[in-house]
Structures are given as structure tokens and as C-alpha cells.
N, C-alpha and C. Protein backbone atom coordinates (compact mmCIF):
# COMPACT_ATOMS: atom_id res chain seq x y z
N MET A 1 -11.61 -19.59 -8.81
CA MET A 1 -10.84 -18.28 -9.04
C MET A 1 -9.56 -17.76 -8.70
N ILE A 2 -9.27 -19.17 -7.52
CA ILE A 2 -7.90 -18.95 -6.52
C ILE A 2 -6.82 -19.37 -7.37
N LYS A 3 -7.23 -20.58 -8.46
CA LYS A 3 -6.26 -21.49 -8.96
C LYS A 3 -6.15 -20.38 -10.38
N PHE A 4 -7.05 -19.76 -10.88
CA PHE A 4 -6.34 -18.56 -11.91
C PHE A 4 -5.88 -17.83 -11.67
N LEU A 5 -5.68 -17.71 -10.55
CA LEU A 5 -4.73 -16.12 -10.10
C LEU A 5 -3.33 -17.05 -9.80
N THR A 6 -3.14 -17.73 -9.57
CA THR A 6 -1.76 -18.34 -8.91
C THR A 6 -1.40 -18.99 -10.41
N TYR A 7 -1.96 -19.41 -11.24
CA TYR A 7 -1.50 -20.15 -12.43
C TYR A 7 -0.72 -18.83 -13.04
N PHE A 8 -1.49 -17.51 -13.33
CA PHE A 8 -0.93 -16.37 -13.66
C PHE A 8 0.47 -15.68 -12.64
N SER A 9 0.25 -15.90 -11.72
CA SER A 9 1.64 -15.43 -10.49
C SER A 9 2.89 -16.55 -10.70
N ARG A 10 2.58 -17.71 -11.17
CA ARG A 10 3.66 -18.42 -11.51
C ARG A 10 4.09 -19.04 -12.58
N ARG A 11 3.17 -18.38 -13.82
CA ARG A 11 3.67 -18.06 -14.92
C ARG A 11 5.14 -17.84 -15.48
N ASN A 12 5.79 -18.74 -16.22
CA ASN A 12 7.29 -18.72 -16.76
C ASN A 12 7.12 -17.74 -17.71
N LEU A 13 7.87 -16.47 -17.45
CA LEU A 13 7.62 -15.40 -18.46
C LEU A 13 9.19 -15.30 -19.38
N SER A 14 9.93 -16.10 -19.32
CA SER A 14 11.12 -16.44 -20.08
C SER A 14 10.91 -16.14 -21.81
N ARG A 15 9.75 -17.03 -21.79
CA ARG A 15 9.67 -17.08 -23.53
C ARG A 15 8.98 -16.23 -24.12
N THR A 16 8.50 -15.36 -23.39
CA THR A 16 8.02 -14.10 -24.13
C THR A 16 8.56 -13.43 -24.82
N SER A 17 8.52 -12.53 -25.89
CA SER A 17 9.28 -12.10 -26.90
C SER A 17 8.99 -10.45 -27.04
N ILE A 18 9.78 -9.73 -26.76
CA ILE A 18 9.89 -8.21 -26.94
C ILE A 18 10.12 -7.49 -28.64
N CYS A 19 9.15 -7.09 -28.84
CA CYS A 19 9.38 -6.46 -30.02
C CYS A 19 9.85 -4.76 -29.59
N TRP A 20 10.89 -4.55 -30.68
CA TRP A 20 11.48 -3.12 -30.48
C TRP A 20 10.92 -2.57 -31.56
N LYS A 21 10.34 -1.34 -31.27
CA LYS A 21 9.71 -0.71 -32.24
C LYS A 21 10.76 0.64 -32.70
N LYS A 22 11.25 1.06 -33.91
CA LYS A 22 11.78 2.28 -34.07
C LYS A 22 11.05 3.45 -33.83
N LYS A 23 11.99 4.15 -33.36
CA LYS A 23 11.33 5.60 -32.95
C LYS A 23 11.04 6.44 -34.05
N MET A 24 9.79 7.12 -34.41
CA MET A 24 9.38 7.52 -35.58
C MET A 24 9.67 9.17 -35.09
N PRO A 25 10.16 9.61 -36.06
CA PRO A 25 9.93 11.36 -35.69
C PRO A 25 8.51 11.87 -35.44
N ASP A 26 8.57 13.00 -35.16
CA ASP A 26 7.31 13.67 -34.12
C ASP A 26 6.42 14.06 -35.12
N ARG A 27 5.42 14.15 -34.75
CA ARG A 27 4.23 14.63 -36.00
C ARG A 27 4.88 16.07 -35.99
N PRO A 28 4.32 16.51 -37.15
CA PRO A 28 4.75 18.23 -37.57
C PRO A 28 4.06 18.83 -36.47
N ALA A 29 4.37 20.25 -36.45
CA ALA A 29 3.52 21.07 -35.30
C ALA A 29 2.11 21.68 -36.34
N PRO A 30 1.71 22.13 -35.85
CA PRO A 30 0.26 22.69 -36.33
C PRO A 30 0.66 23.70 -37.23
N ILE A 31 0.13 24.17 -38.66
CA ILE A 31 0.12 25.37 -39.42
C ILE A 31 -0.59 26.53 -38.70
N ASP A 32 0.10 27.60 -39.24
CA ASP A 32 -0.53 28.82 -38.71
C ASP A 32 -1.66 29.15 -39.65
N GLU A 33 -2.88 29.53 -38.61
CA GLU A 33 -4.23 29.55 -39.81
C GLU A 33 -3.82 30.53 -40.75
N ASN A 34 -2.99 31.63 -40.84
CA ASN A 34 -2.95 32.57 -41.75
C ASN A 34 -2.14 32.10 -43.06
N GLU A 35 -1.46 30.59 -43.10
CA GLU A 35 -0.90 30.36 -43.96
C GLU A 35 -1.60 29.71 -45.19
N PHE A 36 -2.86 29.78 -44.81
CA PHE A 36 -3.68 29.06 -45.48
C PHE A 36 -5.14 29.04 -45.65
N SER A 37 -5.83 28.71 -46.84
CA SER A 37 -7.25 29.02 -47.07
C SER A 37 -7.93 28.10 -46.73
N GLU A 38 -9.09 27.98 -46.31
CA GLU A 38 -10.01 26.81 -46.27
C GLU A 38 -11.35 27.27 -46.92
N ALA A 39 -11.66 25.96 -47.41
CA ALA A 39 -13.16 26.15 -48.23
C ALA A 39 -13.90 24.76 -47.90
N PHE A 40 -15.17 24.93 -48.11
CA PHE A 40 -16.19 23.59 -47.45
C PHE A 40 -16.83 23.36 -48.70
N LEU A 41 -16.87 21.99 -49.30
CA LEU A 41 -17.07 21.71 -50.49
C LEU A 41 -18.10 20.75 -50.59
N LYS A 42 -19.25 20.39 -51.22
CA LYS A 42 -20.39 19.45 -51.69
C LYS A 42 -19.07 18.05 -51.76
N GLY A 43 -19.79 17.16 -51.02
CA GLY A 43 -18.91 15.72 -51.16
C GLY A 43 -19.68 14.97 -52.45
N SER A 44 -19.05 14.09 -53.00
CA SER A 44 -19.23 13.23 -54.13
C SER A 44 -18.69 11.81 -53.96
N GLY A 45 -19.39 10.83 -54.30
CA GLY A 45 -19.07 9.47 -54.35
C GLY A 45 -19.91 8.82 -53.75
N PRO A 46 -19.42 7.80 -53.24
CA PRO A 46 -20.25 6.88 -52.38
C PRO A 46 -20.51 7.61 -50.90
N GLY A 47 -21.94 6.94 -50.41
CA GLY A 47 -22.24 7.82 -49.15
C GLY A 47 -23.38 8.05 -49.07
N GLY A 48 -24.15 8.20 -50.41
CA GLY A 48 -25.76 8.64 -50.24
C GLY A 48 -25.94 10.04 -50.76
N GLN A 49 -27.31 10.35 -50.21
CA GLN A 49 -27.69 11.83 -50.75
C GLN A 49 -26.76 12.72 -49.52
N LYS A 50 -26.98 12.18 -48.17
CA LYS A 50 -26.50 13.07 -47.58
C LYS A 50 -25.05 13.81 -47.85
N ILE A 51 -24.24 13.00 -48.29
CA ILE A 51 -22.70 13.12 -48.30
C ILE A 51 -22.86 13.86 -49.66
N ASN A 52 -23.61 14.13 -50.81
CA ASN A 52 -23.93 14.67 -51.74
C ASN A 52 -24.56 16.26 -51.56
N LYS A 53 -25.17 15.99 -50.29
CA LYS A 53 -26.31 17.15 -50.02
C LYS A 53 -25.11 18.51 -49.13
N THR A 54 -24.80 17.97 -48.05
CA THR A 54 -23.98 18.94 -47.13
C THR A 54 -22.52 19.35 -47.83
N SER A 55 -22.02 20.04 -47.28
CA SER A 55 -21.01 20.83 -47.21
C SER A 55 -20.04 20.13 -46.38
N SER A 56 -19.52 18.79 -46.37
CA SER A 56 -18.63 18.35 -45.14
C SER A 56 -17.38 18.05 -45.98
N ALA A 57 -16.92 18.35 -47.10
CA ALA A 57 -15.57 18.08 -47.41
C ALA A 57 -15.16 19.35 -47.37
N VAL A 58 -13.72 19.31 -47.03
CA VAL A 58 -12.66 20.47 -46.66
C VAL A 58 -11.61 20.42 -47.72
N GLN A 59 -11.33 21.73 -48.24
CA GLN A 59 -10.04 21.85 -49.12
C GLN A 59 -9.27 22.97 -48.72
N LEU A 60 -8.37 22.85 -48.34
CA LEU A 60 -7.15 23.46 -47.51
C LEU A 60 -5.98 23.88 -49.02
N ILE A 61 -5.89 25.29 -49.01
CA ILE A 61 -4.62 25.82 -49.75
C ILE A 61 -3.62 26.39 -49.10
N HIS A 62 -2.60 25.83 -49.43
CA HIS A 62 -1.12 26.64 -48.44
C HIS A 62 -0.92 27.69 -49.06
N LYS A 63 -0.90 28.67 -48.88
CA LYS A 63 -0.53 29.90 -49.72
C LYS A 63 0.80 30.37 -49.99
N PRO A 64 1.84 29.88 -49.06
CA PRO A 64 3.12 29.82 -50.05
C PRO A 64 3.71 28.78 -50.70
N THR A 65 3.57 27.58 -50.42
CA THR A 65 3.59 26.75 -51.54
C THR A 65 2.58 26.23 -52.49
N GLY A 66 1.32 26.57 -52.33
CA GLY A 66 0.70 25.92 -53.31
C GLY A 66 -0.13 24.91 -53.26
N ILE A 67 0.13 23.85 -52.04
CA ILE A 67 -0.25 22.82 -52.01
C ILE A 67 -1.55 22.57 -51.49
N VAL A 68 -2.40 22.04 -52.36
CA VAL A 68 -4.22 21.99 -52.30
C VAL A 68 -4.25 20.64 -51.61
N VAL A 69 -5.20 20.43 -50.30
CA VAL A 69 -5.33 19.12 -49.87
C VAL A 69 -6.95 19.44 -49.60
N LYS A 70 -7.21 17.74 -50.03
CA LYS A 70 -9.01 18.23 -50.12
C LYS A 70 -9.21 16.59 -49.45
N VAL A 71 -10.00 16.64 -48.42
CA VAL A 71 -10.57 15.73 -47.30
C VAL A 71 -11.99 15.07 -47.56
N GLN A 72 -12.58 14.38 -47.71
CA GLN A 72 -13.72 13.70 -47.84
C GLN A 72 -14.01 12.54 -46.90
N GLU A 73 -13.05 12.07 -46.21
CA GLU A 73 -13.06 10.78 -45.42
C GLU A 73 -14.31 10.34 -44.89
N THR A 74 -14.73 11.38 -43.77
CA THR A 74 -15.62 11.08 -43.04
C THR A 74 -17.41 11.93 -43.30
N ARG A 75 -18.22 12.15 -42.92
CA ARG A 75 -19.22 12.64 -43.33
C ARG A 75 -19.48 14.19 -42.35
N SER A 76 -18.52 13.84 -41.12
CA SER A 76 -18.43 15.41 -40.57
C SER A 76 -17.47 16.04 -40.81
N ARG A 77 -17.95 17.51 -40.77
CA ARG A 77 -16.94 18.92 -41.21
C ARG A 77 -15.98 18.82 -40.03
N GLU A 78 -16.10 18.82 -39.00
CA GLU A 78 -15.10 18.83 -37.81
C GLU A 78 -14.10 18.00 -38.42
N GLN A 79 -14.65 16.45 -38.70
CA GLN A 79 -13.44 15.53 -38.59
C GLN A 79 -12.52 15.76 -39.90
N ASN A 80 -13.05 16.20 -40.88
CA ASN A 80 -12.25 16.30 -42.07
C ASN A 80 -11.57 17.57 -41.99
N ARG A 81 -11.78 18.78 -41.30
CA ARG A 81 -11.15 19.72 -41.04
C ARG A 81 -9.55 19.13 -40.49
N LYS A 82 -9.92 18.46 -39.28
CA LYS A 82 -9.07 18.08 -38.37
C LYS A 82 -7.78 16.83 -39.53
N LEU A 83 -8.43 16.14 -39.95
CA LEU A 83 -7.84 15.35 -40.83
C LEU A 83 -6.90 16.14 -42.18
N ALA A 84 -7.97 17.36 -42.62
CA ALA A 84 -7.33 17.88 -43.74
C ALA A 84 -5.71 18.71 -43.03
N ARG A 85 -6.02 19.40 -41.84
CA ARG A 85 -4.63 19.94 -41.52
C ARG A 85 -3.81 19.17 -40.93
N GLU A 86 -4.44 17.94 -40.53
CA GLU A 86 -2.86 17.07 -40.50
C GLU A 86 -2.13 16.50 -41.74
N LYS A 87 -3.28 16.13 -42.75
CA LYS A 87 -2.23 15.54 -44.03
C LYS A 87 -1.43 16.81 -44.88
N LEU A 88 -2.21 18.17 -44.38
CA LEU A 88 -1.31 19.85 -44.98
C LEU A 88 -0.35 19.52 -43.97
N ALA A 89 -0.01 19.34 -43.08
CA ALA A 89 1.37 19.76 -42.50
C ALA A 89 2.33 18.59 -42.65
N LEU A 90 1.79 17.05 -42.82
CA LEU A 90 2.76 16.25 -42.98
C LEU A 90 3.24 16.36 -44.77
N ARG A 91 2.35 17.04 -45.66
CA ARG A 91 2.80 17.36 -46.78
C ARG A 91 3.87 18.31 -47.07
N ILE A 92 3.89 19.60 -46.08
CA ILE A 92 4.59 20.25 -45.95
C ILE A 92 5.72 20.18 -45.42
N GLU A 93 6.02 19.12 -44.53
CA GLU A 93 6.84 18.83 -43.53
C GLU A 93 7.91 17.86 -44.80
N LYS A 94 7.18 16.86 -45.54
CA LYS A 94 7.73 15.88 -46.60
C LYS A 94 8.53 17.07 -47.77
N LEU A 95 8.37 18.08 -47.68
CA LEU A 95 8.51 19.28 -48.97
C LEU A 95 10.10 19.82 -48.37
N GLN A 96 9.83 20.04 -46.69
CA GLN A 96 10.76 20.53 -46.16
C GLN A 96 12.04 19.69 -46.15
N LYS A 97 11.43 18.51 -45.80
CA LYS A 97 12.68 17.42 -45.26
C LYS A 97 13.14 16.41 -45.97
N GLY A 98 12.18 16.58 -47.03
CA GLY A 98 12.30 15.04 -47.89
C GLY A 98 12.50 13.63 -47.55
N ASP A 99 13.51 12.89 -47.64
CA ASP A 99 13.11 11.82 -47.27
C ASP A 99 13.58 11.49 -45.65
N ASP A 100 13.86 12.38 -44.58
CA ASP A 100 13.84 12.51 -43.59
C ASP A 100 12.11 12.70 -42.80
N SER A 101 11.41 12.70 -43.48
CA SER A 101 10.40 13.55 -42.98
C SER A 101 9.17 11.96 -42.61
N ARG A 102 8.36 12.43 -41.52
CA ARG A 102 7.78 11.08 -41.12
C ARG A 102 6.52 10.48 -42.02
N LEU A 103 6.39 11.21 -43.30
CA LEU A 103 5.47 10.54 -44.35
C LEU A 103 6.45 9.90 -44.96
N ALA A 104 7.37 10.25 -45.30
CA ALA A 104 8.45 9.31 -45.96
C ALA A 104 8.60 8.25 -45.70
N ILE A 105 9.31 8.08 -44.37
CA ILE A 105 9.80 6.94 -43.45
C ILE A 105 8.02 6.24 -43.17
N VAL A 106 7.01 6.57 -43.02
CA VAL A 106 6.39 5.46 -42.79
C VAL A 106 5.97 4.99 -44.13
N SER A 107 5.99 5.66 -45.27
CA SER A 107 5.94 4.69 -46.60
C SER A 107 6.57 3.72 -46.95
N ALA A 108 7.72 4.31 -46.54
CA ALA A 108 9.20 3.20 -47.02
C ALA A 108 8.95 1.98 -46.14
N THR A 109 8.53 2.59 -44.59
CA THR A 109 8.12 0.86 -43.92
C THR A 109 7.14 0.35 -44.35
N LYS A 110 6.05 0.77 -44.94
CA LYS A 110 5.01 0.05 -45.22
C LYS A 110 5.53 -0.88 -46.66
N SER A 111 6.04 -0.03 -47.49
CA SER A 111 6.70 -1.04 -48.52
C SER A 111 7.24 -2.01 -48.00
N LYS A 112 8.32 -1.72 -47.23
CA LYS A 112 9.24 -2.83 -47.27
C LYS A 112 8.70 -4.05 -46.50
N ARG A 113 7.57 -3.94 -45.70
CA ARG A 113 6.69 -4.57 -45.48
C ARG A 113 6.01 -5.49 -46.39
N LYS A 114 5.48 -4.69 -47.14
CA LYS A 114 4.55 -5.50 -48.18
C LYS A 114 5.61 -6.44 -48.76
N ALA A 115 6.92 -5.48 -49.68
CA ALA A 115 7.93 -6.42 -50.19
C ALA A 115 8.10 -7.69 -49.69
N SER A 116 8.08 -7.79 -47.92
CA SER A 116 8.69 -9.03 -47.27
C SER A 116 7.45 -10.08 -47.21
N ALA A 117 6.03 -9.69 -47.24
CA ALA A 117 5.08 -10.39 -47.27
C ALA A 117 4.93 -11.21 -48.78
N LYS A 118 5.12 -10.22 -49.68
CA LYS A 118 5.23 -10.85 -51.06
C LYS A 118 6.30 -11.58 -51.19
N LYS A 119 7.41 -11.66 -50.81
CA LYS A 119 8.51 -12.66 -50.99
C LYS A 119 8.43 -13.92 -50.10
N LYS A 120 7.55 -13.89 -49.12
CA LYS A 120 7.13 -14.87 -48.04
C LYS A 120 5.82 -15.83 -48.99
N SER A 121 4.91 -14.99 -49.63
CA SER A 121 3.77 -15.70 -50.26
C SER A 121 4.42 -16.46 -51.09
N LYS A 122 5.73 -15.68 -52.12
CA LYS A 122 6.05 -16.80 -52.97
C LYS A 122 6.91 -17.75 -52.66
N ARG A 123 7.70 -17.74 -51.95
CA ARG A 123 8.63 -18.76 -51.00
C ARG A 123 7.69 -19.70 -50.48
N LYS A 124 6.63 -19.59 -49.98
CA LYS A 124 5.42 -20.45 -49.58
C LYS A 124 4.69 -21.43 -50.87
N TYR A 125 4.40 -20.86 -51.55
CA TYR A 125 3.90 -21.13 -52.46
C TYR A 125 4.74 -21.73 -53.54
N ARG A 126 6.22 -21.85 -53.82
CA ARG A 126 7.17 -22.39 -54.66
C ARG A 126 7.49 -24.01 -53.69
N THR A 127 7.42 -24.09 -52.23
CA THR A 127 7.42 -25.00 -51.51
C THR A 127 6.10 -26.05 -51.35
N LEU A 128 5.31 -25.41 -51.91
CA LEU A 128 4.01 -26.45 -51.59
C LEU A 128 3.79 -27.07 -53.11
N GLU A 129 4.24 -26.18 -54.30
CA GLU A 129 4.39 -26.67 -55.29
C GLU A 129 5.29 -27.71 -55.54
N ALA A 130 6.35 -27.47 -54.76
CA ALA A 130 7.32 -28.87 -54.53
C ALA A 130 6.82 -29.74 -53.67
N GLN A 131 6.21 -29.57 -53.13
CA GLN A 131 5.27 -30.63 -52.35
C GLN A 131 4.65 -31.65 -52.89
N LYS A 132 3.99 -31.07 -53.88
CA LYS A 132 2.53 -31.42 -54.43
C LYS A 132 3.32 -32.42 -56.09
N LEU A 133 4.39 -31.96 -56.66
CA LEU A 133 5.21 -32.87 -57.21
C LEU A 133 5.61 -33.69 -56.96
N THR A 134 6.43 -33.89 -55.71
CA THR A 134 6.89 -35.00 -55.10
C THR A 134 5.89 -35.85 -54.85
N GLU A 135 4.88 -35.55 -54.18
CA GLU A 135 3.62 -36.60 -53.52
C GLU A 135 3.27 -36.89 -55.21
N HIS A 136 2.92 -36.25 -55.97
CA HIS A 136 2.78 -37.06 -57.30
C HIS A 136 3.58 -37.90 -58.04
N GLN A 137 4.84 -37.49 -57.92
CA GLN A 137 5.88 -38.82 -58.52
C GLN A 137 5.78 -40.18 -57.49
N GLU A 138 5.69 -39.74 -56.30
CA GLU A 138 5.46 -40.86 -55.35
C GLU A 138 4.18 -41.78 -55.31
N THR A 139 2.96 -41.15 -55.72
CA THR A 139 1.84 -42.09 -56.06
C THR A 139 1.79 -42.69 -57.79
N SER A 140 2.81 -41.71 -58.68
CA SER A 140 2.49 -42.37 -59.69
C SER A 140 3.41 -44.19 -60.10
N SER A 141 4.85 -43.50 -59.06
CA SER A 141 5.79 -44.74 -59.12
C SER A 141 5.00 -45.92 -58.49
N GLU A 142 4.01 -45.53 -57.59
CA GLU A 142 3.38 -46.80 -56.65
C GLU A 142 2.23 -47.13 -57.88
N VAL A 143 1.70 -46.47 -58.48
CA VAL A 143 0.81 -47.03 -59.48
C VAL A 143 1.66 -47.85 -60.88
N TYR A 144 2.80 -47.37 -60.85
CA TYR A 144 3.37 -48.47 -61.74
C TYR A 144 4.02 -49.58 -61.42
N LYS A 145 4.16 -49.49 -60.05
CA LYS A 145 4.84 -50.99 -59.50
C LYS A 145 3.50 -51.89 -59.35
N GLY A 146 2.32 -51.19 -58.96
CA GLY A 146 0.99 -52.39 -58.77
C GLY A 146 0.87 -52.95 -60.05
N VAL A 147 0.92 -52.23 -61.16
CA VAL A 147 0.68 -52.61 -62.71
C VAL A 147 1.70 -53.35 -63.03
N GLY A 148 2.71 -53.13 -62.66
CA GLY A 148 3.69 -54.79 -63.17
C GLY A 148 3.67 -55.76 -62.35
N SER A 149 3.24 -55.52 -60.72
CA SER A 149 2.91 -56.82 -60.21
C SER A 149 1.86 -57.72 -60.63
N GLU A 150 0.74 -56.79 -60.85
CA GLU A 150 -0.47 -57.78 -61.30
C GLU A 150 -0.26 -58.92 -62.51
N ASN A 151 0.74 -58.44 -63.60
CA ASN A 151 0.92 -59.21 -64.41
C ASN A 151 2.11 -60.46 -64.35
N GLN A 152 2.98 -60.53 -63.30
CA GLN A 152 3.45 -61.59 -62.89
C GLN A 152 3.01 -62.59 -62.63
């Protein structure tokens, strides 16, 4: 146990990397209760009989803008209510702020990551194909050399 502790106390930390995260905009403020109407609906889709019998799905309608949000992500009504309110607040913020909203920034970041991963995958696939081609050419030239040496 003593060796274990001394190992970590002497460890060289100069090789550790620091990842700087960009500051995300704050989450939007909660919406006033009088600005939206709330309805509980019966769920549908996968989840079995329980989700089809209970009214756990939540639908919020924002009265000033007419935005409708329906959430049925969990079997709990309270969790769905919380998620629906967050989703509605994000949509209203996107409508008001446009590209500066949290929702727009998060989606742009995700699309950049996805594009980068796709580009990396293509690059890796291209190098693998090139390696296979060179290996094939090397082995085929060795075969031809072997065939010529047998005849002589």
C-alpha cells in the first residue's frame, strides 16, 4: 500500500493534457406557468401495455407563439413534465435568439464532431486500401519472380 501511494506522489504530471471546453451559454430561464397549457396524453409506441394504459406523456402548448412540445421519453409523468418544460424553454430561446441560442450552438457542435469523425473514417479507409494494394503488388511480384526462377 505504501509503494502504491508513493508511486502516485512522484508521478510526472508534465505529460498530462488539459482539455479546454468552450463556455456554453446558460440554460434558458424557466417559463411562467401562465404562458403555456399542459395536457397529459396516453403514450404510444414501444414500452408495452404500461405505457399505453397510463397518461404519462406530456404535451405543452406555448400560448404566445403556438409552439407545441410533446414528450414521452420516460414512464414517469413528473420526469416527462420536467423534460417537456426544458424542451419548450430551449425552443422559445431558439426562436428569440436564433443562432446564438444554446440549442443552435449544441447542434452545430454535434454536427462538427460528426463531420470530423466521418472525415477521419474516410482517411483511415483510404490508407488501409493503399496498404492492401501495395501488399498485393509486393506478393504478386514475388510470385512472378518465383515462377521465373523455377524455369531457369
